[in-house]
N, C-alpha and C. Protein backbone atom coordinates (compact mmCIF):
# COMPACT_ATOMS: atom_id res chain seq x y z
N MET A 1 -372.32 43.03 -46.58
CA MET A 1 -372.24 44.28 -47.30
C MET A 1 -372.97 44.20 -48.65
N GLU A 2 -372.86 43.04 -49.30
CA GLU A 2 -373.51 42.85 -50.60
C GLU A 2 -375.03 42.95 -50.47
N LYS A 3 -375.58 42.41 -49.38
CA LYS A 3 -377.03 42.48 -49.14
C LYS A 3 -377.48 43.93 -49.00
N ILE A 4 -376.68 44.74 -48.35
CA ILE A 4 -377.01 46.16 -48.17
C ILE A 4 -377.02 46.87 -49.52
N LYS A 5 -376.03 46.61 -50.35
CA LYS A 5 -375.96 47.21 -51.68
C LYS A 5 -377.16 46.79 -52.52
N GLU A 6 -377.54 45.52 -52.44
CA GLU A 6 -378.68 45.01 -53.19
C GLU A 6 -379.97 45.68 -52.71
N TYR A 7 -380.13 45.82 -51.40
CA TYR A 7 -381.31 46.48 -50.83
C TYR A 7 -381.39 47.93 -51.28
N ILE A 8 -380.29 48.65 -51.22
CA ILE A 8 -380.26 50.05 -51.64
C ILE A 8 -380.59 50.17 -53.12
N SER A 9 -380.05 49.28 -53.93
CA SER A 9 -380.34 49.29 -55.37
C SER A 9 -381.82 49.05 -55.63
N GLN A 10 -382.41 48.10 -54.91
CA GLN A 10 -383.83 47.79 -55.08
C GLN A 10 -384.69 48.98 -54.64
N GLU A 11 -384.35 49.60 -53.53
CA GLU A 11 -385.10 50.76 -53.04
C GLU A 11 -385.02 51.92 -54.04
N LYS A 12 -383.86 52.11 -54.62
CA LYS A 12 -383.67 53.16 -55.62
C LYS A 12 -384.54 52.90 -56.84
N GLN A 13 -384.58 51.64 -57.28
CA GLN A 13 -385.38 51.27 -58.45
C GLN A 13 -386.86 51.51 -58.16
N ILE A 14 -387.33 51.15 -56.99
CA ILE A 14 -388.73 51.36 -56.62
C ILE A 14 -389.04 52.84 -56.56
N SER A 15 -388.15 53.63 -55.99
CA SER A 15 -388.35 55.09 -55.92
C SER A 15 -388.43 55.69 -57.31
N GLU A 16 -387.58 55.22 -58.21
CA GLU A 16 -387.60 55.72 -59.59
C GLU A 16 -388.91 55.38 -60.29
N MET A 17 -389.42 54.16 -60.07
CA MET A 17 -390.69 53.76 -60.68
C MET A 17 -391.84 54.60 -60.12
N GLU A 18 -391.81 54.85 -58.81
CA GLU A 18 -392.85 55.69 -58.20
C GLU A 18 -392.79 57.11 -58.77
N TYR A 19 -391.59 57.64 -58.91
CA TYR A 19 -391.40 58.98 -59.47
C TYR A 19 -391.97 59.05 -60.88
N GLU A 20 -391.69 58.03 -61.70
CA GLU A 20 -392.20 58.00 -63.08
C GLU A 20 -393.73 57.92 -63.10
N LEU A 21 -394.31 57.14 -62.20
CA LEU A 21 -395.76 57.03 -62.11
C LEU A 21 -396.38 58.38 -61.78
N ILE A 22 -395.83 59.06 -60.81
CA ILE A 22 -396.35 60.36 -60.40
C ILE A 22 -396.16 61.39 -61.51
N LYS A 23 -395.00 61.36 -62.14
CA LYS A 23 -394.73 62.28 -63.25
C LYS A 23 -395.74 62.07 -64.38
N GLU A 24 -396.06 60.82 -64.68
CA GLU A 24 -397.03 60.51 -65.73
C GLU A 24 -398.43 60.98 -65.33
N PHE A 25 -398.79 60.80 -64.05
CA PHE A 25 -400.08 61.29 -63.58
C PHE A 25 -400.19 62.81 -63.75
N ILE A 26 -399.14 63.53 -63.36
CA ILE A 26 -399.15 65.00 -63.49
C ILE A 26 -399.32 65.39 -64.95
N LYS A 27 -398.62 64.70 -65.84
CA LYS A 27 -398.74 64.99 -67.28
C LYS A 27 -400.16 64.76 -67.76
N LEU A 28 -400.75 63.62 -67.38
CA LEU A 28 -402.13 63.32 -67.79
C LEU A 28 -403.09 64.38 -67.27
N ARG A 29 -402.92 64.78 -66.01
CA ARG A 29 -403.79 65.79 -65.41
C ARG A 29 -403.69 67.11 -66.16
N LYS A 30 -402.46 67.53 -66.43
CA LYS A 30 -402.25 68.81 -67.12
C LYS A 30 -402.73 68.74 -68.58
N ASP A 31 -402.48 67.61 -69.24
CA ASP A 31 -402.95 67.45 -70.63
C ASP A 31 -404.48 67.52 -70.71
N ALA A 32 -405.15 67.10 -69.63
CA ALA A 32 -406.62 67.15 -69.58
C ALA A 32 -407.11 68.51 -69.10
N ASN A 33 -406.17 69.45 -68.88
CA ASN A 33 -406.50 70.79 -68.38
C ASN A 33 -407.31 70.73 -67.09
N LEU A 34 -406.91 69.83 -66.20
CA LEU A 34 -407.57 69.71 -64.91
C LEU A 34 -406.62 70.16 -63.81
N SER A 35 -407.16 70.89 -62.86
CA SER A 35 -406.37 71.31 -61.71
C SER A 35 -406.37 70.20 -60.66
N GLN A 36 -405.54 70.36 -59.66
CA GLN A 36 -405.56 69.42 -58.55
C GLN A 36 -406.95 69.43 -57.91
N GLN A 37 -407.56 70.61 -57.81
CA GLN A 37 -408.89 70.71 -57.20
C GLN A 37 -409.93 70.00 -58.05
N ASP A 38 -409.81 70.09 -59.37
CA ASP A 38 -410.74 69.36 -60.25
C ASP A 38 -410.67 67.86 -59.99
N ILE A 39 -409.44 67.33 -59.92
CA ILE A 39 -409.26 65.90 -59.65
C ILE A 39 -409.79 65.56 -58.27
N ALA A 40 -409.53 66.43 -57.30
CA ALA A 40 -410.02 66.20 -55.94
C ALA A 40 -411.55 66.10 -55.92
N ASN A 41 -412.19 67.02 -56.60
CA ASN A 41 -413.65 67.02 -56.63
C ASN A 41 -414.21 65.75 -57.28
N GLN A 42 -413.57 65.30 -58.34
CA GLN A 42 -414.07 64.14 -59.09
C GLN A 42 -413.71 62.81 -58.42
N SER A 43 -412.60 62.78 -57.69
CA SER A 43 -412.13 61.52 -57.11
C SER A 43 -412.48 61.36 -55.64
N LYS A 44 -412.95 62.45 -55.02
CA LYS A 44 -413.27 62.44 -53.59
C LYS A 44 -412.01 62.26 -52.72
N ILE A 45 -410.87 62.65 -53.26
CA ILE A 45 -409.60 62.68 -52.53
C ILE A 45 -409.29 64.16 -52.28
N ILE A 46 -408.92 64.52 -51.06
CA ILE A 46 -408.68 65.94 -50.79
C ILE A 46 -407.50 66.46 -51.60
N ARG A 47 -407.59 67.72 -52.02
CA ARG A 47 -406.58 68.34 -52.87
C ARG A 47 -405.20 68.29 -52.22
N THR A 48 -405.16 68.47 -50.90
CA THR A 48 -403.87 68.45 -50.20
C THR A 48 -403.16 67.11 -50.41
N THR A 49 -403.90 66.03 -50.41
CA THR A 49 -403.30 64.71 -50.64
C THR A 49 -402.74 64.62 -52.05
N ILE A 50 -403.48 65.12 -53.02
CA ILE A 50 -403.00 65.12 -54.41
C ILE A 50 -401.73 65.96 -54.53
N ALA A 51 -401.73 67.13 -53.90
CA ALA A 51 -400.55 68.00 -53.95
C ALA A 51 -399.35 67.32 -53.31
N ARG A 52 -399.54 66.67 -52.19
CA ARG A 52 -398.43 65.98 -51.52
C ARG A 52 -397.89 64.83 -52.36
N ILE A 53 -398.77 64.12 -53.05
CA ILE A 53 -398.33 63.05 -53.95
C ILE A 53 -397.52 63.65 -55.09
N GLU A 54 -398.05 64.69 -55.71
CA GLU A 54 -397.36 65.30 -56.85
C GLU A 54 -396.02 65.91 -56.45
N ASN A 55 -395.90 66.37 -55.22
CA ASN A 55 -394.64 66.98 -54.76
C ASN A 55 -393.68 65.96 -54.16
N GLY A 56 -394.07 64.68 -54.18
CA GLY A 56 -393.20 63.64 -53.65
C GLY A 56 -393.14 63.59 -52.14
N MET A 57 -394.08 64.25 -51.49
CA MET A 57 -394.09 64.26 -50.03
C MET A 57 -394.79 63.02 -49.46
N ASN A 58 -395.72 62.46 -50.21
CA ASN A 58 -396.45 61.25 -49.81
C ASN A 58 -396.28 60.19 -50.87
N SER A 59 -396.11 58.97 -50.43
CA SER A 59 -396.10 57.85 -51.34
C SER A 59 -397.54 57.38 -51.49
N PRO A 60 -398.08 57.41 -52.70
CA PRO A 60 -399.51 57.11 -52.85
C PRO A 60 -399.82 55.64 -52.62
N GLN A 61 -400.94 55.39 -51.96
CA GLN A 61 -401.44 54.04 -51.83
C GLN A 61 -402.10 53.65 -53.15
N VAL A 62 -402.18 52.37 -53.41
CA VAL A 62 -402.78 51.89 -54.66
C VAL A 62 -404.21 52.40 -54.78
N LYS A 63 -404.99 52.30 -53.72
CA LYS A 63 -406.39 52.74 -53.75
C LYS A 63 -406.49 54.22 -54.13
N THR A 64 -405.62 55.03 -53.57
CA THR A 64 -405.62 56.47 -53.86
C THR A 64 -405.28 56.72 -55.31
N MET A 65 -404.25 56.03 -55.83
CA MET A 65 -403.89 56.22 -57.24
C MET A 65 -405.03 55.81 -58.15
N LEU A 66 -405.69 54.71 -57.83
CA LEU A 66 -406.83 54.29 -58.65
C LEU A 66 -407.93 55.36 -58.64
N GLN A 67 -408.18 55.94 -57.49
CA GLN A 67 -409.23 56.96 -57.38
C GLN A 67 -408.88 58.23 -58.15
N ILE A 68 -407.61 58.65 -58.12
CA ILE A 68 -407.27 59.91 -58.80
C ILE A 68 -407.04 59.71 -60.30
N LEU A 69 -406.77 58.48 -60.72
CA LEU A 69 -406.64 58.20 -62.15
C LEU A 69 -407.98 58.03 -62.84
N GLU A 70 -408.97 57.55 -62.11
CA GLU A 70 -410.29 57.25 -62.70
C GLU A 70 -410.91 58.44 -63.43
N PRO A 71 -410.92 59.67 -62.87
CA PRO A 71 -411.50 60.80 -63.60
C PRO A 71 -410.79 61.10 -64.93
N LEU A 72 -409.55 60.66 -65.05
CA LEU A 72 -408.79 60.86 -66.28
C LEU A 72 -409.02 59.72 -67.27
N GLY A 73 -409.74 58.69 -66.82
CA GLY A 73 -410.00 57.55 -67.70
C GLY A 73 -408.87 56.53 -67.71
N TYR A 74 -408.07 56.49 -66.65
CA TYR A 74 -406.93 55.57 -66.57
C TYR A 74 -407.03 54.72 -65.32
N THR A 75 -406.22 53.66 -65.31
CA THR A 75 -406.11 52.78 -64.16
C THR A 75 -404.66 52.32 -64.05
N LEU A 76 -404.37 51.53 -63.05
CA LEU A 76 -403.03 50.95 -62.90
C LEU A 76 -403.02 49.57 -63.53
N LYS A 77 -401.83 49.13 -63.92
CA LYS A 77 -401.68 47.83 -64.56
C LYS A 77 -400.38 47.22 -64.09
N ILE A 78 -400.40 45.92 -63.84
CA ILE A 78 -399.16 45.22 -63.50
C ILE A 78 -398.47 44.86 -64.80
N GLU A 79 -397.19 45.20 -64.86
CA GLU A 79 -396.42 45.00 -66.09
C GLU A 79 -395.07 44.40 -65.76
N LYS A 80 -394.62 43.48 -66.57
CA LYS A 80 -393.32 42.85 -66.35
C LYS A 80 -392.20 43.87 -66.51
N ILE A 81 -391.25 43.80 -65.62
CA ILE A 81 -390.11 44.70 -65.66
C ILE A 81 -389.09 44.16 -66.65
N ASN A 82 -388.63 45.02 -67.54
CA ASN A 82 -387.57 44.65 -68.47
C ASN A 82 -386.25 45.02 -67.82
N ASN A 83 -385.53 44.01 -67.37
CA ASN A 83 -384.24 44.26 -66.74
C ASN A 83 -383.25 44.76 -67.78
N LYS A 84 -382.45 45.71 -67.36
CA LYS A 84 -381.46 46.32 -68.26
C LYS A 84 -380.15 45.55 -68.29
N ASP A 85 -380.06 44.50 -67.48
CA ASP A 85 -378.82 43.72 -67.38
C ASP A 85 -378.58 42.90 -68.61
């Protein structure tokens, strides 16, 4: 039972980090006054994919996130997690 609780906790943490990443991407896009179509045109990713990512319907692949962040002048970075424990 403890393993199940640990797995659920880990999955929740990963989902929260993904949500924060997507939320930050949306903020960057809007701050740059770019539409989903603008990002699609510049990144060569179809707008529908960007919309599904922003709506939480698709979990973005690393390659896709790199492509849609590039027109905004951003990239992904590996960062140590600060445990709250």
